[in-house]
Amino acid sequence: MSYESSFVNTVILITREGMGSADAALQNKLLETYLNLLLKNGTLPNAICFYTDGVKLVVEGSPHLEQLSQIEQRGVRLIICSTCLNYFGLTEKVRVGIVGGMPDILEAQTRAGKVITL
């Protein structure tokens, strides 16, 4: 099975500032590698949803903005939780994706054939 076919109709949930539960530097390195592989291999999901600390990845100062922008330009919907942005005071700092709410995230999940949480 190819990577590409295994990502058909997939939604990725990002709920942390990186990937996994190690220290921040390792979390960011792992996410950087993961996003680069998505781009390199063309293994793109239908959507990536960002909530809780994950919203910090789509705002000014995030080390992953360029990768996420490229992913979005290739047609992946980046859905960002407005409640989380408001909670952290980050609404005005969003640089990539669309600000939505939990109904948007729920809709993406229910339409997906597979949901992956990083």
PDB file of N, CA and C in Angstrom:
ATOM      1  N   MET A   1       0.840  -1.172   0.000  1.00  0.00           N
ATOM      2  CA  MET A   1       0.000   0.000   0.000  1.00  0.00           C
ATOM      3  C   MET A   1       0.892   1.244   0.000  1.00  0.00           C
ATOM      4  N   SER A   2       0.558   2.206  -0.840  1.00  0.00           N
ATOM      5  CA  SER A   2       1.350   3.426  -0.884  1.00  0.00           C
ATOM      6  C   SER A   2       0.930   4.364   0.242  1.00  0.00           C
ATOM      7  N   TYR A   3       1.846   5.268   0.596  1.00  0.00           N
ATOM      8  CA  TYR A   3       1.517   6.264   1.611  1.00  0.00           C
ATOM      9  C   TYR A   3       0.311   7.076   1.174  1.00  0.00           C
ATOM     10  N   GLU A   4       0.327   7.475  -0.109  1.00  0.00           N
ATOM     11  CA  GLU A   4      -0.716   8.362  -0.606  1.00  0.00           C
ATOM     12  C   GLU A   4      -2.093   7.742  -0.441  1.00  0.00           C
ATOM     13  N   SER A   5      -2.257   6.476  -0.823  1.00  0.00           N
ATOM     14  CA  SER A   5      -3.565   5.847  -0.731  1.00  0.00           C
ATOM     15  C   SER A   5      -4.007   5.672   0.720  1.00  0.00           C
ATOM     16  N   SER A   6      -3.061   5.552   1.633  1.00  0.00           N
ATOM     17  CA  SER A   6      -3.432   5.369   3.030  1.00  0.00           C
ATOM     18  C   SER A   6      -3.886   6.674   3.685  1.00  0.00           C
ATOM     19  N   PHE A   7      -3.687   7.821   3.041  1.00  0.00           N
ATOM     20  CA  PHE A   7      -4.094   9.105   3.594  1.00  0.00           C
ATOM     21  C   PHE A   7      -5.374   9.641   2.957  1.00  0.00           C
ATOM     22  N   VAL A   8      -5.947   8.897   2.019  1.00  0.00           N
ATOM     23  CA  VAL A   8      -7.180   9.339   1.399  1.00  0.00           C
ATOM     24  C   VAL A   8      -8.242   9.483   2.478  1.00  0.00           C
ATOM     25  N   ASN A   9      -8.900  10.633   2.495  1.00  0.00           N
ATOM     26  CA  ASN A   9      -9.995  10.891   3.430  1.00  0.00           C
ATOM     27  C   ASN A   9      -9.555  10.833   4.898  1.00  0.00           C
ATOM     28  N   THR A  10      -8.377  11.365   5.175  1.00  0.00           N
ATOM     29  CA  THR A  10      -7.817  11.376   6.530  1.00  0.00           C
ATOM     30  C   THR A  10      -7.819  12.792   7.097  1.00  0.00           C
ATOM     31  N   VAL A  11      -8.053  12.894   8.395  1.00  0.00           N
ATOM     32  CA  VAL A  11      -7.933  14.153   9.127  1.00  0.00           C
ATOM     33  C   VAL A  11      -6.907  13.944  10.225  1.00  0.00           C
ATOM     34  N   ILE A  12      -6.005  14.919  10.369  1.00  0.00           N
ATOM     35  CA  ILE A  12      -4.990  14.885  11.429  1.00  0.00           C
ATOM     36  C   ILE A  12      -5.377  15.919  12.478  1.00  0.00           C
ATOM     37  N   LEU A  13      -5.301  15.508  13.739  1.00  0.00           N
ATOM     38  CA  LEU A  13      -5.559  16.409  14.859  1.00  0.00           C
ATOM     39  C   LEU A  13      -4.237  16.745  15.527  1.00  0.00           C
ATOM     40  N   ILE A  14      -3.973  18.024  15.680  1.00  0.00           N
ATOM     41  CA  ILE A  14      -2.759  18.455  16.374  1.00  0.00           C
ATOM     42  C   ILE A  14      -3.193  19.221  17.614  1.00  0.00           C
ATOM     43  N   THR A  15      -2.845  18.667  18.775  1.00  0.00           N
ATOM     44  CA  THR A  15      -3.306  19.228  20.043  1.00  0.00           C
ATOM     45  C   THR A  15      -2.162  19.699  20.938  1.00  0.00           C
ATOM     46  N   ARG A  16      -0.945  19.631  20.412  1.00  0.00           N
ATOM     47  CA  ARG A  16       0.244  20.057  21.173  1.00  0.00           C
ATOM     48  C   ARG A  16       1.055  21.023  20.327  1.00  0.00           C
ATOM     49  N   GLU A  17       2.059  21.638  20.927  1.00  0.00           N
ATOM     50  CA  GLU A  17       2.935  22.545  20.182  1.00  0.00           C
ATOM     51  C   GLU A  17       3.963  21.794  19.357  1.00  0.00           C
ATOM     52  N   GLY A  18       3.970  20.499  19.469  1.00  0.00           N
ATOM     53  CA  GLY A  18       4.875  19.661  18.702  1.00  0.00           C
ATOM     54  C   GLY A  18       4.261  18.286  18.580  1.00  0.00           C
ATOM     55  N   MET A  19       5.102  17.281  18.544  1.00  0.00           N
ATOM     56  CA  MET A  19       4.626  15.917  18.364  1.00  0.00           C
ATOM     57  C   MET A  19       5.145  15.064  19.511  1.00  0.00           C
ATOM     58  N   GLY A  20       4.260  14.355  20.178  1.00  0.00           N
ATOM     59  CA  GLY A  20       4.665  13.519  21.297  1.00  0.00           C
ATOM     60  C   GLY A  20       4.650  14.283  22.605  1.00  0.00           C
ATOM     61  N   SER A  21       5.242  13.686  23.628  1.00  0.00           N
ATOM     62  CA  SER A  21       5.219  14.313  24.955  1.00  0.00           C
ATOM     63  C   SER A  21       6.617  14.469  25.559  1.00  0.00           C
ATOM     64  N   ALA A  22       7.622  14.552  24.704  1.00  0.00           N
ATOM     65  CA  ALA A  22       8.997  14.774  25.165  1.00  0.00           C
ATOM     66  C   ALA A  22       9.214  16.270  25.415  1.00  0.00           C
ATOM     67  N   ASP A  23      10.476  16.672  25.609  1.00  0.00           N
ATOM     68  CA  ASP A  23      10.721  18.103  25.793  1.00  0.00           C
ATOM     69  C   ASP A  23      10.405  18.853  24.501  1.00  0.00           C
ATOM     70  N   ALA A  24      10.227  20.172  24.613  1.00  0.00           N
ATOM     71  CA  ALA A  24       9.752  20.997  23.502  1.00  0.00           C
ATOM     72  C   ALA A  24      10.637  20.896  22.263  1.00  0.00           C
ATOM     73  N   ALA A  25      11.944  20.859  22.438  1.00  0.00           N
ATOM     74  CA  ALA A  25      12.855  20.797  21.289  1.00  0.00           C
ATOM     75  C   ALA A  25      12.635  19.518  20.482  1.00  0.00           C
ATOM     76  N   LEU A  26      12.487  18.400  21.165  1.00  0.00           N
ATOM     77  CA  LEU A  26      12.253  17.138  20.470  1.00  0.00           C
ATOM     78  C   LEU A  26      10.871  17.116  19.832  1.00  0.00           C
ATOM     79  N   GLN A  27       9.864  17.616  20.532  1.00  0.00           N
ATOM     80  CA  GLN A  27       8.521  17.683  19.957  1.00  0.00           C
ATOM     81  C   GLN A  27       8.521  18.468  18.650  1.00  0.00           C
ATOM     82  N   ASN A  28       9.202  19.606  18.647  1.00  0.00           N
ATOM     83  CA  ASN A  28       9.255  20.437  17.444  1.00  0.00           C
ATOM     84  C   ASN A  28      10.041  19.761  16.334  1.00  0.00           C
ATOM     85  N   LYS A  29      11.129  19.097  16.663  1.00  0.00           N
ATOM     86  CA  LYS A  29      11.927  18.388  15.658  1.00  0.00           C
ATOM     87  C   LYS A  29      11.111  17.270  15.014  1.00  0.00           C
ATOM     88  N   LEU A  30      10.394  16.508  15.824  1.00  0.00           N
ATOM     89  CA  LEU A  30       9.564  15.428  15.293  1.00  0.00           C
ATOM     90  C   LEU A  30       8.471  15.966  14.370  1.00  0.00           C
ATOM     91  N   LEU A  31       7.818  17.055  14.778  1.00  0.00           N
ATOM     92  CA  LEU A  31       6.766  17.623  13.942  1.00  0.00           C
ATOM     93  C   LEU A  31       7.345  18.177  12.643  1.00  0.00           C
ATOM     94  N   GLU A  32       8.503  18.816  12.725  1.00  0.00           N
ATOM     95  CA  GLU A  32       9.162  19.332  11.521  1.00  0.00           C
ATOM     96  C   GLU A  32       9.418  18.195  10.530  1.00  0.00           C
ATOM     97  N   THR A  33       9.948  17.089  11.021  1.00  0.00           N
ATOM     98  CA  THR A  33      10.221  15.932  10.171  1.00  0.00           C
ATOM     99  C   THR A  33       8.927  15.387   9.582  1.00  0.00           C
ATOM    100  N   TYR A  34       7.907  15.257  10.399  1.00  0.00           N
ATOM    101  CA  TYR A  34       6.615  14.730   9.949  1.00  0.00           C
ATOM    102  C   TYR A  34       6.029  15.595   8.838  1.00  0.00           C
ATOM    103  N   LEU A  35       5.985  16.911   9.049  1.00  0.00           N
ATOM    104  CA  LEU A  35       5.427  17.821   8.045  1.00  0.00           C
ATOM    105  C   LEU A  35       6.246  17.802   6.766  1.00  0.00           C
ATOM    106  N   ASN A  36       7.576  17.750   6.901  1.00  0.00           N
ATOM    107  CA  ASN A  36       8.427  17.665   5.709  1.00  0.00           C
ATOM    108  C   ASN A  36       8.144  16.401   4.909  1.00  0.00           C
ATOM    109  N   LEU A  37       7.940  15.287   5.594  1.00  0.00           N
ATOM    110  CA  LEU A  37       7.637  14.033   4.897  1.00  0.00           C
ATOM    111  C   LEU A  37       6.272  14.086   4.217  1.00  0.00           C
ATOM    112  N   LEU A  38       5.294  14.718   4.854  1.00  0.00           N
ATOM    113  CA  LEU A  38       3.996  14.896   4.197  1.00  0.00           C
ATOM    114  C   LEU A  38       4.177  15.634   2.871  1.00  0.00           C
ATOM    115  N   LEU A  39       4.948  16.716   2.914  1.00  0.00           N
ATOM    116  CA  LEU A  39       5.179  17.515   1.709  1.00  0.00           C
ATOM    117  C   LEU A  39       5.994  16.762   0.665  1.00  0.00           C
ATOM    118  N   LYS A  40       7.048  16.134   1.094  1.00  0.00           N
ATOM    119  CA  LYS A  40       7.953  15.441   0.177  1.00  0.00           C
ATOM    120  C   LYS A  40       7.264  14.271  -0.526  1.00  0.00           C
ATOM    121  N   ASN A  41       6.503  13.490   0.237  1.00  0.00           N
ATOM    122  CA  ASN A  41       5.885  12.288  -0.306  1.00  0.00           C
ATOM    123  C   ASN A  41       4.508  12.531  -0.913  1.00  0.00           C
ATOM    124  N   GLY A  42       3.980  13.743  -0.761  1.00  0.00           N
ATOM    125  CA  GLY A  42       2.649  14.030  -1.271  1.00  0.00           C
ATOM    126  C   GLY A  42       1.563  13.308  -0.500  1.00  0.00           C
ATOM    127  N   THR A  43       1.845  12.916   0.713  1.00  0.00           N
ATOM    128  CA  THR A  43       0.889  12.185   1.544  1.00  0.00           C
ATOM    129  C   THR A  43       0.070  13.172   2.361  1.00  0.00           C
ATOM    130  N   LEU A  44      -0.811  13.876   1.697  1.00  0.00           N
ATOM    131  CA  LEU A  44      -1.533  14.952   2.359  1.00  0.00           C
ATOM    132  C   LEU A  44      -2.930  14.515   2.788  1.00  0.00           C
ATOM    133  N   PRO A  45      -3.302  14.864   4.006  1.00  0.00           N
ATOM    134  CA  PRO A  45      -4.654  14.557   4.493  1.00  0.00           C
ATOM    135  C   PRO A  45      -5.663  15.552   3.911  1.00  0.00           C
ATOM    136  N   ASN A  46      -6.934  15.308   4.150  1.00  0.00           N
ATOM    137  CA  ASN A  46      -7.967  16.265   3.732  1.00  0.00           C
ATOM    138  C   ASN A  46      -7.921  17.526   4.583  1.00  0.00           C
ATOM    139  N   ALA A  47      -7.654  17.343   5.877  1.00  0.00           N
ATOM    140  CA  ALA A  47      -7.647  18.482   6.793  1.00  0.00           C
ATOM    141  C   ALA A  47      -6.712  18.205   7.960  1.00  0.00           C
ATOM    142  N   ILE A  48      -6.234  19.302   8.552  1.00  0.00           N
ATOM    143  CA  ILE A  48      -5.505  19.237   9.808  1.00  0.00           C
ATOM    144  C   ILE A  48      -6.226  20.186  10.750  1.00  0.00           C
ATOM    145  N   CYS A  49      -6.633  19.667  11.905  1.00  0.00           N
ATOM    146  CA  CYS A  49      -7.349  20.466  12.896  1.00  0.00           C
ATOM    147  C   CYS A  49      -6.414  20.778  14.061  1.00  0.00           C
ATOM    148  N   PHE A  50      -6.420  22.028  14.475  1.00  0.00           N
ATOM    149  CA  PHE A  50      -5.557  22.492  15.556  1.00  0.00           C
ATOM    150  C   PHE A  50      -6.427  22.951  16.717  1.00  0.00           C
ATOM    151  N   TYR A  51      -6.200  22.363  17.878  1.00  0.00           N
ATOM    152  CA  TYR A  51      -6.892  22.838  19.072  1.00  0.00           C
ATOM    153  C   TYR A  51      -6.005  22.640  20.285  1.00  0.00           C
ATOM    154  N   THR A  52      -6.450  23.129  21.436  1.00  0.00           N
ATOM    155  CA  THR A  52      -5.650  23.286  22.652  1.00  0.00           C
ATOM    156  C   THR A  52      -4.305  23.911  22.275  1.00  0.00           C
ATOM    157  N   ASP A  53      -3.192  23.398  22.793  1.00  0.00           N
ATOM    158  CA  ASP A  53      -1.890  24.013  22.505  1.00  0.00           C
ATOM    159  C   ASP A  53      -1.497  23.947  21.030  1.00  0.00           C
ATOM    160  N   GLY A  54      -2.154  23.118  20.257  1.00  0.00           N
ATOM    161  CA  GLY A  54      -1.857  23.014  18.825  1.00  0.00           C
ATOM    162  C   GLY A  54      -2.071  24.316  18.072  1.00  0.00           C
ATOM    163  N   VAL A  55      -2.956  25.180  18.565  1.00  0.00           N
ATOM    164  CA  VAL A  55      -3.197  26.450  17.861  1.00  0.00           C
ATOM    165  C   VAL A  55      -1.947  27.337  17.838  1.00  0.00           C
ATOM    166  N   LYS A  56      -1.028  27.092  18.738  1.00  0.00           N
ATOM    167  CA  LYS A  56       0.193  27.900  18.789  1.00  0.00           C
ATOM    168  C   LYS A  56       1.095  27.652  17.583  1.00  0.00           C
ATOM    169  N   LEU A  57       0.811  26.608  16.819  1.00  0.00           N
ATOM    170  CA  LEU A  57       1.617  26.286  15.636  1.00  0.00           C
ATOM    171  C   LEU A  57       1.247  27.111  14.415  1.00  0.00           C
ATOM    172  N   VAL A  58       0.083  27.759  14.412  1.00  0.00           N
ATOM    173  CA  VAL A  58      -0.390  28.477  13.230  1.00  0.00           C
ATOM    174  C   VAL A  58      -0.312  29.989  13.393  1.00  0.00           C
ATOM    175  N   VAL A  59       0.344  30.435  14.437  1.00  0.00           N
ATOM    176  CA  VAL A  59       0.404  31.869  14.719  1.00  0.00           C
ATOM    177  C   VAL A  59       1.816  32.417  14.521  1.00  0.00           C
ATOM    178  N   GLU A  60       1.868  33.715  14.459  1.00  0.00           N
ATOM    179  CA  GLU A  60       3.132  34.449  14.344  1.00  0.00           C
ATOM    180  C   GLU A  60       4.172  33.884  15.306  1.00  0.00           C
ATOM    181  N   GLY A  61       5.364  33.618  14.788  1.00  0.00           N
ATOM    182  CA  GLY A  61       6.453  33.108  15.612  1.00  0.00           C
ATOM    183  C   GLY A  61       6.596  31.598  15.609  1.00  0.00           C
ATOM    184  N   SER A  62       5.638  30.884  15.058  1.00  0.00           N
ATOM    185  CA  SER A  62       5.726  29.427  15.006  1.00  0.00           C
ATOM    186  C   SER A  62       6.825  29.005  14.034  1.00  0.00           C
ATOM    187  N   PRO A  63       7.635  28.016  14.414  1.00  0.00           N
ATOM    188  CA  PRO A  63       8.687  27.548  13.505  1.00  0.00           C
ATOM    189  C   PRO A  63       8.149  26.710  12.345  1.00  0.00           C
ATOM    190  N   HIS A  64       6.846  26.439  12.317  1.00  0.00           N
ATOM    191  CA  HIS A  64       6.271  25.552  11.301  1.00  0.00           C
ATOM    192  C   HIS A  64       5.385  26.274  10.296  1.00  0.00           C
ATOM    193  N   LEU A  65       5.375  27.600  10.299  1.00  0.00           N
ATOM    194  CA  LEU A  65       4.479  28.347   9.420  1.00  0.00           C
ATOM    195  C   LEU A  65       4.737  28.075   7.942  1.00  0.00           C
ATOM    196  N   GLU A  66       5.983  28.008   7.539  1.00  0.00           N
ATOM    197  CA  GLU A  66       6.293  27.786   6.114  1.00  0.00           C
ATOM    198  C   GLU A  66       5.776  26.426   5.661  1.00  0.00           C
ATOM    199  N   GLN A  67       6.033  25.394   6.440  1.00  0.00           N
ATOM    200  CA  GLN A  67       5.555  24.054   6.082  1.00  0.00           C
ATOM    201  C   GLN A  67       4.028  24.023   6.030  1.00  0.00           C
ATOM    202  N   LEU A  68       3.385  24.596   7.028  1.00  0.00           N
ATOM    203  CA  LEU A  68       1.924  24.591   7.067  1.00  0.00           C
ATOM    204  C   LEU A  68       1.331  25.404   5.923  1.00  0.00           C
ATOM    205  N   SER A  69       1.983  26.491   5.568  1.00  0.00           N
ATOM    206  CA  SER A  69       1.535  27.292   4.427  1.00  0.00           C
ATOM    207  C   SER A  69       1.618  26.483   3.135  1.00  0.00           C
ATOM    208  N   GLN A  70       2.701  25.750   2.947  1.00  0.00           N
ATOM    209  CA  GLN A  70       2.848  24.910   1.757  1.00  0.00           C
ATOM    210  C   GLN A  70       1.787  23.812   1.728  1.00  0.00           C
ATOM    211  N   ILE A  71       1.512  23.227   2.872  1.00  0.00           N
ATOM    212  CA  ILE A  71       0.480  22.191   2.961  1.00  0.00           C
ATOM    213  C   ILE A  71      -0.881  22.780   2.603  1.00  0.00           C
ATOM    214  N   GLU A  72      -1.171  23.957   3.124  1.00  0.00           N
ATOM    215  CA  GLU A  72      -2.444  24.616   2.823  1.00  0.00           C
ATOM    216  C   GLU A  72      -2.541  24.949   1.338  1.00  0.00           C
ATOM    217  N   GLN A  73      -1.449  25.418   0.744  1.00  0.00           N
ATOM    218  CA  GLN A  73      -1.440  25.754  -0.682  1.00  0.00           C
ATOM    219  C   GLN A  73      -1.702  24.539  -1.564  1.00  0.00           C
ATOM    220  N   ARG A  74      -1.449  23.369  -1.047  1.00  0.00           N
ATOM    221  CA  ARG A  74      -1.701  22.122  -1.793  1.00  0.00           C
ATOM    222  C   ARG A  74      -3.118  21.588  -1.569  1.00  0.00           C
ATOM    223  N   GLY A  75      -3.953  22.390  -0.916  1.00  0.00           N
ATOM    224  CA  GLY A  75      -5.364  22.042  -0.812  1.00  0.00           C
ATOM    225  C   GLY A  75      -5.827  21.429   0.495  1.00  0.00           C
ATOM    226  N   VAL A  76      -4.959  21.349   1.481  1.00  0.00           N
ATOM    227  CA  VAL A  76      -5.351  20.794   2.784  1.00  0.00           C
ATOM    228  C   VAL A  76      -5.999  21.901   3.612  1.00  0.00           C
ATOM    229  N   ARG A  77      -7.164  21.622   4.163  1.00  0.00           N
ATOM    230  CA  ARG A  77      -7.829  22.595   5.035  1.00  0.00           C
ATOM    231  C   ARG A  77      -7.170  22.561   6.410  1.00  0.00           C
ATOM    232  N   LEU A  78      -6.732  23.715   6.872  1.00  0.00           N
ATOM    233  CA  LEU A  78      -6.165  23.856   8.214  1.00  0.00           C
ATOM    234  C   LEU A  78      -7.228  24.557   9.053  1.00  0.00           C
ATOM    235  N   ILE A  79      -7.829  23.816   9.965  1.00  0.00           N
ATOM    236  CA  ILE A  79      -8.946  24.329  10.766  1.00  0.00           C
ATOM    237  C   ILE A  79      -8.449  24.608  12.181  1.00  0.00           C
ATOM    238  N   ILE A  80      -8.647  25.845  12.622  1.00  0.00           N
ATOM    239  CA  ILE A  80      -8.108  26.288  13.911  1.00  0.00           C
ATOM    240  C   ILE A  80      -9.256  26.605  14.867  1.00  0.00           C
ATOM    241  N   CYS A  81      -9.185  26.105  16.064  1.00  0.00           N
ATOM    242  CA  CYS A  81     -10.216  26.304  17.078  1.00  0.00           C
ATOM    243  C   CYS A  81     -10.231  27.756  17.575  1.00  0.00           C
ATOM    244  N   SER A  82     -11.339  28.447  17.329  1.00  0.00           N
ATOM    245  CA  SER A  82     -11.452  29.846  17.754  1.00  0.00           C
ATOM    246  C   SER A  82     -11.487  29.984  19.278  1.00  0.00           C
ATOM    247  N   THR A  83     -12.103  29.048  19.966  1.00  0.00           N
ATOM    248  CA  THR A  83     -12.152  29.099  21.432  1.00  0.00           C
ATOM    249  C   THR A  83     -10.745  29.038  22.016  1.00  0.00           C
ATOM    250  N   CYS A  84      -9.914  28.169  21.457  1.00  0.00           N
ATOM    251  CA  CYS A  84      -8.529  28.023  21.931  1.00  0.00           C
ATOM    252  C   CYS A  84      -7.717  29.283  21.640  1.00  0.00           C
ATOM    253  N   LEU A  85      -7.886  29.836  20.432  1.00  0.00           N
ATOM    254  CA  LEU A  85      -7.187  31.078  20.095  1.00  0.00           C
ATOM    255  C   LEU A  85      -7.562  32.187  21.066  1.00  0.00           C
ATOM    256  N   ASN A  86      -8.847  32.317  21.343  1.00  0.00           N
ATOM    257  CA  ASN A  86      -9.308  33.340  22.285  1.00  0.00           C
ATOM    258  C   ASN A  86      -8.736  33.102  23.680  1.00  0.00           C
ATOM    259  N   TYR A  87      -8.724  31.863  24.103  1.00  0.00           N
ATOM    260  CA  TYR A  87      -8.213  31.514  25.429  1.00  0.00           C
ATOM    261  C   TYR A  87      -6.758  31.949  25.601  1.00  0.00           C
ATOM    262  N   PHE A  88      -5.960  31.714  24.561  1.00  0.00           N
ATOM    263  CA  PHE A  88      -4.533  32.070  24.618  1.00  0.00           C
ATOM    264  C   PHE A  88      -4.253  33.500  24.153  1.00  0.00           C
ATOM    265  N   GLY A  89      -5.270  34.233  23.731  1.00  0.00           N
ATOM    266  CA  GLY A  89      -5.084  35.602  23.242  1.00  0.00           C
ATOM    267  C   GLY A  89      -4.312  35.659  21.929  1.00  0.00           C
ATOM    268  N   LEU A  90      -4.545  34.695  21.056  1.00  0.00           N
ATOM    269  CA  LEU A  90      -3.772  34.579  19.820  1.00  0.00           C
ATOM    270  C   LEU A  90      -4.569  34.861  18.541  1.00  0.00           C
ATOM    271  N   THR A  91      -5.812  35.253  18.669  1.00  0.00           N
ATOM    272  CA  THR A  91      -6.682  35.411  17.499  1.00  0.00           C
ATOM    273  C   THR A  91      -6.083  36.333  16.446  1.00  0.00           C
ATOM    274  N   GLU A  92      -5.493  37.416  16.855  1.00  0.00           N
ATOM    275  CA  GLU A  92      -4.938  38.395  15.910  1.00  0.00           C
ATOM    276  C   GLU A  92      -3.598  37.957  15.316  1.00  0.00           C
ATOM    277  N   LYS A  93      -3.038  36.869  15.813  1.00  0.00           N
ATOM    278  CA  LYS A  93      -1.707  36.441  15.370  1.00  0.00           C
ATOM    279  C   LYS A  93      -1.738  35.260  14.405  1.00  0.00           C
ATOM    280  N   VAL A  94      -2.925  34.816  13.994  1.00  0.00           N
ATOM    281  CA  VAL A  94      -3.045  33.687  13.066  1.00  0.00           C
ATOM    282  C   VAL A  94      -2.424  34.063  11.726  1.00  0.00           C
ATOM    283  N   ARG A  95      -1.566  33.191  11.203  1.00  0.00           N
ATOM    284  CA  ARG A  95      -0.871  33.455   9.942  1.00  0.00           C
ATOM    285  C   ARG A  95      -1.162  32.425   8.853  1.00  0.00           C
ATOM    286  N   VAL A  96      -1.823  31.338   9.223  1.00  0.00           N
ATOM    287  CA  VAL A  96      -2.137  30.298   8.247  1.00  0.00           C
ATOM    288  C   VAL A  96      -3.398  29.567   8.704  1.00  0.00           C
ATOM    289  N   GLY A  97      -4.185  29.078   7.774  1.00  0.00           N
ATOM    290  CA  GLY A  97      -5.377  28.322   8.110  1.00  0.00           C
ATOM    291  C   GLY A  97      -6.609  29.186   8.232  1.00  0.00           C
ATOM    292  N   ILE A  98      -7.722  28.530   8.572  1.00  0.00           N
ATOM    293  CA  ILE A  98      -8.985  29.224   8.751  1.00  0.00           C
ATOM    294  C   ILE A  98      -9.439  29.046  10.198  1.00  0.00           C
ATOM    295  N   VAL A  99      -9.908  30.127  10.775  1.00  0.00           N
ATOM    296  CA  VAL A  99     -10.400  30.069  12.148  1.00  0.00           C
ATOM    297  C   VAL A  99     -11.826  29.544  12.097  1.00  0.00           C
ATOM    298  N   GLY A 100     -12.042  28.469  12.805  1.00  0.00           N
ATOM    299  CA  GLY A 100     -13.364  27.855  12.876  1.00  0.00           C
ATOM    300  C   GLY A 100     -13.693  27.571  14.317  1.00  0.00           C
ATOM    301  N   GLY A 101     -14.667  26.740  14.484  1.00  0.00           N
ATOM    302  CA  GLY A 101     -15.056  26.375  15.834  1.00  0.00           C
ATOM    303  C   GLY A 101     -15.121  24.867  15.965  1.00  0.00           C
ATOM    304  N   MET A 102     -15.546  24.416  17.104  1.00  0.00           N
ATOM    305  CA  MET A 102     -15.671  22.990  17.332  1.00  0.00           C
ATOM    306  C   MET A 102     -16.624  22.331  16.326  1.00  0.00           C
ATOM    307  N   PRO A 103     -17.700  23.010  15.876  1.00  0.00           N
ATOM    308  CA  PRO A 103     -18.535  22.382  14.850  1.00  0.00           C
ATOM    309  C   PRO A 103     -17.756  22.066  13.562  1.00  0.00           C
ATOM    310  N   ASP A 104     -16.828  22.936  13.187  1.00  0.00           N
ATOM    311  CA  ASP A 104     -16.010  22.695  11.991  1.00  0.00           C
ATOM    312  C   ASP A 104     -15.080  21.505  12.191  1.00  0.00           C
ATOM    313  N   ILE A 105     -14.494  21.416  13.374  1.00  0.00           N
ATOM    314  CA  ILE A 105     -13.600  20.302  13.686  1.00  0.00           C
ATOM    315  C   ILE A 105     -14.388  18.995  13.726  1.00  0.00           C
ATOM    316  N   LEU A 106     -15.555  19.028  14.342  1.00  0.00           N
ATOM    317  CA  LEU A 106     -16.408  17.844  14.415  1.00  0.00           C
ATOM    318  C   LEU A 106     -16.844  17.396  13.019  1.00  0.00           C
ATOM    319  N   GLU A 107     -17.198  18.345  12.168  1.00  0.00           N
ATOM    320  CA  GLU A 107     -17.599  18.007  10.803  1.00  0.00           C
ATOM    321  C   GLU A 107     -16.450  17.334  10.049  1.00  0.00           C
ATOM    322  N   ALA A 108     -15.238  17.878  10.173  1.00  0.00           N
ATOM    323  CA  ALA A 108     -14.082  17.271   9.509  1.00  0.00           C
ATOM    324  C   ALA A 108     -13.862  15.848  10.006  1.00  0.00           C
ATOM    325  N   GLN A 109     -14.010  15.638  11.307  1.00  0.00           N
ATOM    326  CA  GLN A 109     -13.816  14.305  11.878  1.00  0.00           C
ATOM    327  C   GLN A 109     -14.878  13.325  11.400  1.00  0.00           C
ATOM    328  N   THR A 110     -16.129  13.759  11.379  1.00  0.00           N
ATOM    329  CA  THR A 110     -17.208  12.839  11.014  1.00  0.00           C
ATOM    330  C   THR A 110     -17.178  12.501   9.531  1.00  0.00           C
ATOM    331  N   ARG A 111     -16.636  13.365   8.693  1.00  0.00           N
ATOM    332  CA  ARG A 111     -16.543  13.084   7.258  1.00  0.00           C
ATOM    333  C   ARG A 111     -15.315  12.238   6.918  1.00  0.00           C
ATOM    334  N   ALA A 112     -14.387  12.152   7.845  1.00  0.00           N
ATOM    335  CA  ALA A 112     -13.123  11.450   7.585  1.00  0.00           C
ATOM    336  C   ALA A 112     -13.296   9.938   7.685  1.00  0.00           C
ATOM    337  N   GLY A 113     -12.558   9.226   6.863  1.00  0.00           N
ATOM    338  CA  GLY A 113     -12.500   7.789   6.974  1.00  0.00           C
ATOM    339  C   GLY A 113     -11.540   7.360   8.064  1.00  0.00           C
ATOM    340  N   LYS A 114     -10.562   8.251   8.350  1.00  0.00           N
ATOM    341  CA  LYS A 114      -9.547   7.959   9.367  1.00  0.00           C
ATOM    342  C   LYS A 114      -9.168   9.281  10.044  1.00  0.00           C
ATOM    343  N   VAL A 115      -9.022   9.237  11.377  1.00  0.00           N
ATOM    344  CA  VAL A 115      -8.585  10.398  12.155  1.00  0.00           C
ATOM    345  C   VAL A 115      -7.320   9.999  12.908  1.00  0.00           C
ATOM    346  N   ILE A 116      -6.269  10.814  12.755  1.00  0.00           N
ATOM    347  CA  ILE A 116      -4.983  10.561  13.403  1.00  0.00           C
ATOM    348  C   ILE A 116      -4.702  11.722  14.353  1.00  0.00           C
ATOM    349  N   THR A 117      -4.384  11.420  15.594  1.00  0.00           N
ATOM    350  CA  THR A 117      -4.008  12.453  16.557  1.00  0.00           C
ATOM    351  C   THR A 117      -2.499  12.391  16.768  1.00  0.00           C
ATOM    352  N   LEU A 118      -1.846  13.542  16.585  1.00  0.00           N
ATOM    353  CA  LEU A 118      -0.398  13.608  16.805  1.00  0.00           C
ATOM    354  C   LEU A 118      -0.126  14.034  18.224  1.00  0.00           C
TER     355      LEU A 118
END
